Amino acid sequence: LRSHTVETSDSEVQVSLLWEQVSAVPADYVLTVGLLDETDTLIAQQDAPPPGYPTSVWLDTQPYLTEHTLTIPDGASDDLRLRVGWYLRETFERLDADGAAVLDGMLVLPVE
């Protein structure tokens, strides 16, 4: 993940993720973007392959943008975080994330 932006309203979180390939990806992965509450419970989730560009054809010279909108459930606290990761659709095997904030092999990003 090269960079990300997050915009929130009372009912939604809009996320833009800018990806760049750092090594060859021989398979097509599915991107999962989830919304966690203060107890790390998953309260919203969106899973899909990147539209138009399967990961197996990504080039290391080009960044790729994905955009996501997650609905905040009624009664959710204001203390929210994002969980972002990749997995193979056929086996659900995760592509482990590297970084300072990782939970269950996925990146954890603040929602501010």
N, C-alpha and C. Protein backbone atom coordinates (compact mmCIF):
# COMPACT_ATOMS: atom_id res chain seq x y z
N LEU A 1 0.85 -1.18 0.00
CA LEU A 1 0.00 0.00 0.00
C LEU A 1 0.89 1.23 0.00
N ARG A 2 0.75 2.03 -1.02
CA ARG A 2 1.56 3.25 -1.13
C ARG A 2 0.97 4.38 -0.28
N SER A 3 -0.34 4.58 -0.38
CA SER A 3 -1.00 5.63 0.41
C SER A 3 -2.49 5.34 0.48
N HIS A 4 -3.17 6.07 1.36
CA HIS A 4 -4.62 5.91 1.48
C HIS A 4 -5.24 7.21 1.97
N THR A 5 -6.50 7.38 1.65
CA THR A 5 -7.28 8.49 2.19
C THR A 5 -8.59 7.93 2.72
N VAL A 6 -9.09 8.56 3.76
CA VAL A 6 -10.34 8.13 4.39
C VAL A 6 -11.19 9.36 4.63
N GLU A 7 -12.45 9.30 4.22
CA GLU A 7 -13.42 10.35 4.49
C GLU A 7 -14.61 9.70 5.18
N THR A 8 -15.11 10.36 6.23
CA THR A 8 -16.23 9.80 6.97
C THR A 8 -17.40 10.77 7.00
N SER A 9 -18.58 10.20 7.12
CA SER A 9 -19.79 10.95 7.39
C SER A 9 -20.48 10.22 8.54
N ASP A 10 -21.69 10.62 8.87
CA ASP A 10 -22.40 9.95 9.96
C ASP A 10 -22.72 8.50 9.63
N SER A 11 -22.84 8.17 8.34
CA SER A 11 -23.30 6.84 7.98
C SER A 11 -22.34 6.04 7.09
N GLU A 12 -21.25 6.67 6.59
CA GLU A 12 -20.36 5.97 5.67
C GLU A 12 -18.89 6.31 5.91
N VAL A 13 -18.06 5.38 5.49
CA VAL A 13 -16.62 5.60 5.42
C VAL A 13 -16.22 5.37 3.96
N GLN A 14 -15.62 6.38 3.35
CA GLN A 14 -15.14 6.25 1.98
C GLN A 14 -13.62 6.15 2.02
N VAL A 15 -13.10 5.12 1.35
CA VAL A 15 -11.68 4.80 1.41
C VAL A 15 -11.11 4.75 0.00
N SER A 16 -9.98 5.41 -0.21
CA SER A 16 -9.22 5.30 -1.45
C SER A 16 -7.86 4.71 -1.10
N LEU A 17 -7.49 3.64 -1.79
CA LEU A 17 -6.22 2.94 -1.53
C LEU A 17 -5.39 2.97 -2.80
N LEU A 18 -4.17 3.43 -2.69
CA LEU A 18 -3.27 3.47 -3.83
C LEU A 18 -2.22 2.38 -3.64
N TRP A 19 -2.23 1.40 -4.56
CA TRP A 19 -1.38 0.23 -4.46
C TRP A 19 -0.27 0.30 -5.49
N GLU A 20 0.86 -0.32 -5.14
CA GLU A 20 1.92 -0.53 -6.12
C GLU A 20 2.48 -1.93 -5.91
N GLN A 21 2.81 -2.56 -7.00
CA GLN A 21 3.36 -3.91 -6.95
C GLN A 21 4.83 -3.83 -6.55
N VAL A 22 5.23 -4.63 -5.57
CA VAL A 22 6.63 -4.65 -5.15
C VAL A 22 7.32 -5.96 -5.56
N SER A 23 6.53 -6.94 -5.98
CA SER A 23 7.08 -8.18 -6.54
C SER A 23 6.00 -8.81 -7.41
N ALA A 24 6.41 -9.74 -8.25
CA ALA A 24 5.47 -10.39 -9.17
C ALA A 24 4.37 -11.10 -8.39
N VAL A 25 3.15 -11.00 -8.89
CA VAL A 25 2.00 -11.66 -8.27
C VAL A 25 1.46 -12.66 -9.30
N PRO A 26 1.68 -13.95 -9.08
CA PRO A 26 1.31 -14.94 -10.09
C PRO A 26 -0.17 -15.31 -10.10
N ALA A 27 -0.95 -14.79 -9.17
CA ALA A 27 -2.37 -15.17 -9.07
C ALA A 27 -3.23 -13.92 -8.96
N ASP A 28 -4.52 -14.11 -9.11
CA ASP A 28 -5.47 -13.01 -8.96
C ASP A 28 -6.04 -13.03 -7.54
N TYR A 29 -5.74 -11.96 -6.80
CA TYR A 29 -6.17 -11.86 -5.41
C TYR A 29 -7.44 -11.02 -5.29
N VAL A 30 -8.17 -11.26 -4.21
CA VAL A 30 -9.35 -10.49 -3.85
C VAL A 30 -8.94 -9.54 -2.73
N LEU A 31 -9.38 -8.29 -2.82
CA LEU A 31 -9.10 -7.29 -1.80
C LEU A 31 -10.25 -7.27 -0.81
N THR A 32 -9.94 -7.32 0.47
CA THR A 32 -10.95 -7.19 1.51
C THR A 32 -10.69 -5.92 2.29
N VAL A 33 -11.74 -5.13 2.46
CA VAL A 33 -11.67 -3.90 3.24
C VAL A 33 -12.76 -4.00 4.30
N GLY A 34 -12.38 -3.96 5.55
CA GLY A 34 -13.34 -4.11 6.64
C GLY A 34 -13.28 -2.96 7.60
N LEU A 35 -14.37 -2.78 8.32
CA LEU A 35 -14.47 -1.74 9.34
C LEU A 35 -14.54 -2.42 10.69
N LEU A 36 -13.60 -2.06 11.57
CA LEU A 36 -13.53 -2.64 12.91
C LEU A 36 -14.01 -1.63 13.95
N ASP A 37 -14.70 -2.12 14.99
CA ASP A 37 -15.08 -1.24 16.08
C ASP A 37 -13.98 -1.23 17.15
N GLU A 38 -14.27 -0.64 18.29
CA GLU A 38 -13.25 -0.47 19.33
C GLU A 38 -12.78 -1.79 19.93
N THR A 39 -13.55 -2.88 19.75
CA THR A 39 -13.15 -4.20 20.26
C THR A 39 -12.57 -5.08 19.15
N ASP A 40 -12.26 -4.49 17.99
CA ASP A 40 -11.75 -5.20 16.81
C ASP A 40 -12.77 -6.18 16.23
N THR A 41 -14.05 -5.92 16.47
CA THR A 41 -15.11 -6.70 15.86
C THR A 41 -15.40 -6.13 14.48
N LEU A 42 -15.50 -7.01 13.49
CA LEU A 42 -15.79 -6.59 12.12
C LEU A 42 -17.26 -6.19 12.04
N ILE A 43 -17.53 -4.92 11.65
CA ILE A 43 -18.90 -4.43 11.60
C ILE A 43 -19.36 -4.09 10.18
N ALA A 44 -18.45 -4.05 9.23
CA ALA A 44 -18.79 -3.85 7.81
C ALA A 44 -17.62 -4.39 6.99
N GLN A 45 -17.93 -4.88 5.79
CA GLN A 45 -16.87 -5.47 4.97
C GLN A 45 -17.25 -5.41 3.50
N GLN A 46 -16.24 -5.25 2.67
CA GLN A 46 -16.41 -5.27 1.21
C GLN A 46 -15.26 -6.07 0.63
N ASP A 47 -15.57 -7.11 -0.15
CA ASP A 47 -14.56 -7.96 -0.78
C ASP A 47 -14.78 -7.96 -2.29
N ALA A 48 -13.72 -7.73 -3.05
CA ALA A 48 -13.81 -7.78 -4.52
C ALA A 48 -12.40 -7.72 -5.10
N PRO A 49 -12.21 -8.33 -6.26
CA PRO A 49 -10.93 -8.14 -6.96
C PRO A 49 -10.86 -6.70 -7.46
N PRO A 50 -9.66 -6.17 -7.69
CA PRO A 50 -9.56 -4.81 -8.20
C PRO A 50 -10.26 -4.71 -9.56
N PRO A 51 -11.15 -3.75 -9.74
CA PRO A 51 -11.90 -3.68 -11.00
C PRO A 51 -11.01 -3.35 -12.19
N GLY A 52 -11.12 -4.16 -13.23
CA GLY A 52 -10.42 -3.89 -14.48
C GLY A 52 -8.98 -4.36 -14.56
N TYR A 53 -8.34 -4.60 -13.41
CA TYR A 53 -6.92 -4.97 -13.42
C TYR A 53 -6.66 -6.09 -12.42
N PRO A 54 -6.81 -7.35 -12.82
CA PRO A 54 -6.48 -8.44 -11.91
C PRO A 54 -5.02 -8.33 -11.46
N THR A 55 -4.75 -8.71 -10.24
CA THR A 55 -3.40 -8.55 -9.69
C THR A 55 -2.34 -9.31 -10.48
N SER A 56 -2.71 -10.36 -11.18
CA SER A 56 -1.72 -11.12 -11.95
C SER A 56 -1.16 -10.34 -13.14
N VAL A 57 -1.81 -9.26 -13.55
CA VAL A 57 -1.31 -8.46 -14.68
C VAL A 57 -0.79 -7.10 -14.24
N TRP A 58 -0.69 -6.86 -12.94
CA TRP A 58 -0.17 -5.59 -12.46
C TRP A 58 1.29 -5.42 -12.91
N LEU A 59 1.66 -4.20 -13.19
CA LEU A 59 3.03 -3.86 -13.55
C LEU A 59 3.68 -3.13 -12.40
N ASP A 60 4.97 -3.35 -12.20
CA ASP A 60 5.66 -2.70 -11.08
C ASP A 60 5.93 -1.22 -11.33
N THR A 61 5.60 -0.73 -12.50
CA THR A 61 5.84 0.68 -12.81
C THR A 61 4.57 1.54 -12.70
N GLN A 62 3.47 0.93 -12.32
CA GLN A 62 2.20 1.64 -12.34
C GLN A 62 1.47 1.48 -11.00
N PRO A 63 0.99 2.58 -10.40
CA PRO A 63 0.16 2.46 -9.20
C PRO A 63 -1.29 2.12 -9.59
N TYR A 64 -2.00 1.48 -8.68
CA TYR A 64 -3.39 1.08 -8.90
C TYR A 64 -4.26 1.62 -7.78
N LEU A 65 -5.36 2.27 -8.13
CA LEU A 65 -6.26 2.88 -7.17
C LEU A 65 -7.51 2.02 -7.01
N THR A 66 -7.88 1.74 -5.77
CA THR A 66 -9.16 1.09 -5.49
C THR A 66 -9.94 2.02 -4.56
N GLU A 67 -11.26 2.05 -4.75
CA GLU A 67 -12.11 2.91 -3.92
C GLU A 67 -13.24 2.07 -3.33
N HIS A 68 -13.56 2.38 -2.08
CA HIS A 68 -14.50 1.56 -1.32
C HIS A 68 -15.38 2.45 -0.46
N THR A 69 -16.65 2.06 -0.32
CA THR A 69 -17.58 2.74 0.57
C THR A 69 -18.17 1.70 1.51
N LEU A 70 -17.99 1.94 2.80
CA LEU A 70 -18.52 1.04 3.82
C LEU A 70 -19.58 1.78 4.63
N THR A 71 -20.70 1.11 4.88
CA THR A 71 -21.77 1.70 5.67
C THR A 71 -21.51 1.45 7.15
N ILE A 72 -21.59 2.51 7.93
CA ILE A 72 -21.40 2.40 9.38
C ILE A 72 -22.73 1.97 9.99
N PRO A 73 -22.77 0.84 10.69
CA PRO A 73 -24.03 0.39 11.29
C PRO A 73 -24.53 1.38 12.36
N ASP A 74 -25.84 1.46 12.50
CA ASP A 74 -26.43 2.29 13.56
C ASP A 74 -25.89 1.84 14.91
N GLY A 75 -25.57 2.79 15.76
CA GLY A 75 -25.09 2.49 17.10
C GLY A 75 -23.61 2.22 17.21
N ALA A 76 -22.88 2.25 16.09
CA ALA A 76 -21.43 2.01 16.14
C ALA A 76 -20.74 3.18 16.84
N SER A 77 -19.67 2.88 17.52
CA SER A 77 -18.92 3.93 18.22
C SER A 77 -18.15 4.77 17.20
N ASP A 78 -17.56 5.84 17.68
CA ASP A 78 -16.73 6.69 16.83
C ASP A 78 -15.30 6.17 16.73
N ASP A 79 -14.96 5.18 17.52
CA ASP A 79 -13.60 4.61 17.54
C ASP A 79 -13.51 3.48 16.53
N LEU A 80 -13.31 3.82 15.25
CA LEU A 80 -13.30 2.85 14.18
C LEU A 80 -11.92 2.75 13.54
N ARG A 81 -11.64 1.58 12.97
CA ARG A 81 -10.40 1.36 12.22
C ARG A 81 -10.72 0.53 10.99
N LEU A 82 -9.84 0.60 10.00
CA LEU A 82 -9.99 -0.20 8.80
C LEU A 82 -9.06 -1.40 8.86
N ARG A 83 -9.51 -2.50 8.28
CA ARG A 83 -8.69 -3.71 8.13
C ARG A 83 -8.63 -3.99 6.63
N VAL A 84 -7.43 -4.07 6.08
CA VAL A 84 -7.24 -4.20 4.64
C VAL A 84 -6.32 -5.38 4.35
N GLY A 85 -6.73 -6.25 3.43
CA GLY A 85 -5.88 -7.38 3.09
C GLY A 85 -6.27 -8.01 1.77
N TRP A 86 -5.47 -8.97 1.37
CA TRP A 86 -5.65 -9.69 0.10
C TRP A 86 -5.73 -11.18 0.38
N TYR A 87 -6.57 -11.90 -0.42
CA TYR A 87 -6.63 -13.35 -0.29
C TYR A 87 -6.98 -13.98 -1.64
N LEU A 88 -6.65 -15.27 -1.76
CA LEU A 88 -7.01 -16.05 -2.95
C LEU A 88 -8.46 -16.53 -2.81
N ARG A 89 -9.28 -16.27 -3.81
CA ARG A 89 -10.69 -16.64 -3.75
C ARG A 89 -10.88 -18.16 -3.59
N GLU A 90 -10.05 -18.93 -4.27
CA GLU A 90 -10.22 -20.38 -4.27
C GLU A 90 -9.92 -21.03 -2.92
N THR A 91 -8.93 -20.52 -2.21
CA THR A 91 -8.49 -21.16 -0.97
C THR A 91 -8.64 -20.28 0.27
N PHE A 92 -8.92 -19.00 0.08
CA PHE A 92 -8.99 -18.00 1.16
C PHE A 92 -7.64 -17.79 1.85
N GLU A 93 -6.56 -18.27 1.21
CA GLU A 93 -5.22 -18.06 1.74
C GLU A 93 -4.89 -16.57 1.66
N ARG A 94 -4.45 -16.00 2.79
CA ARG A 94 -4.14 -14.57 2.85
C ARG A 94 -2.73 -14.28 2.37
N LEU A 95 -2.58 -13.12 1.78
CA LEU A 95 -1.28 -12.57 1.45
C LEU A 95 -0.89 -11.73 2.66
N ASP A 96 0.11 -12.18 3.42
CA ASP A 96 0.47 -11.49 4.67
C ASP A 96 0.96 -10.08 4.41
N ALA A 97 0.49 -9.17 5.23
CA ALA A 97 0.87 -7.76 5.14
C ALA A 97 2.07 -7.49 6.01
N ASP A 98 2.88 -6.54 5.58
CA ASP A 98 3.99 -6.05 6.39
C ASP A 98 3.65 -4.64 6.84
N GLY A 99 4.07 -4.32 8.04
CA GLY A 99 3.84 -2.96 8.51
C GLY A 99 3.74 -2.93 10.02
N ALA A 100 3.66 -1.72 10.54
CA ALA A 100 3.64 -1.53 11.98
C ALA A 100 2.31 -1.98 12.58
N ALA A 101 1.21 -1.74 11.86
CA ALA A 101 -0.10 -2.07 12.39
C ALA A 101 -0.70 -3.21 11.56
N VAL A 102 -0.56 -4.44 12.09
CA VAL A 102 -1.07 -5.62 11.39
C VAL A 102 -1.89 -6.44 12.38
N LEU A 103 -3.07 -6.90 11.93
CA LEU A 103 -3.94 -7.74 12.74
C LEU A 103 -4.36 -8.92 11.87
N ASP A 104 -4.09 -10.14 12.31
CA ASP A 104 -4.43 -11.34 11.54
C ASP A 104 -3.89 -11.30 10.12
N GLY A 105 -2.69 -10.75 9.92
CA GLY A 105 -2.06 -10.71 8.61
C GLY A 105 -2.56 -9.60 7.70
N MET A 106 -3.40 -8.70 8.22
CA MET A 106 -3.94 -7.61 7.42
C MET A 106 -3.55 -6.27 8.03
N LEU A 107 -3.41 -5.27 7.16
CA LEU A 107 -3.10 -3.92 7.62
C LEU A 107 -4.26 -3.34 8.40
N VAL A 108 -3.96 -2.58 9.43
CA VAL A 108 -4.97 -1.86 10.19
C VAL A 108 -4.67 -0.37 10.06
N LEU A 109 -5.66 0.38 9.59
CA LEU A 109 -5.49 1.81 9.32
C LEU A 109 -6.48 2.61 10.15
N PRO A 110 -6.08 3.81 10.59
CA PRO A 110 -7.00 4.63 11.37
C PRO A 110 -8.13 5.21 10.52
N VAL A 111 -9.26 5.44 11.15
CA VAL A 111 -10.37 6.18 10.54
C VAL A 111 -10.48 7.47 11.34
N GLU A 112 -10.17 8.57 10.71
CA GLU A 112 -10.19 9.85 11.44
C GLU A 112 -11.09 10.84 10.77
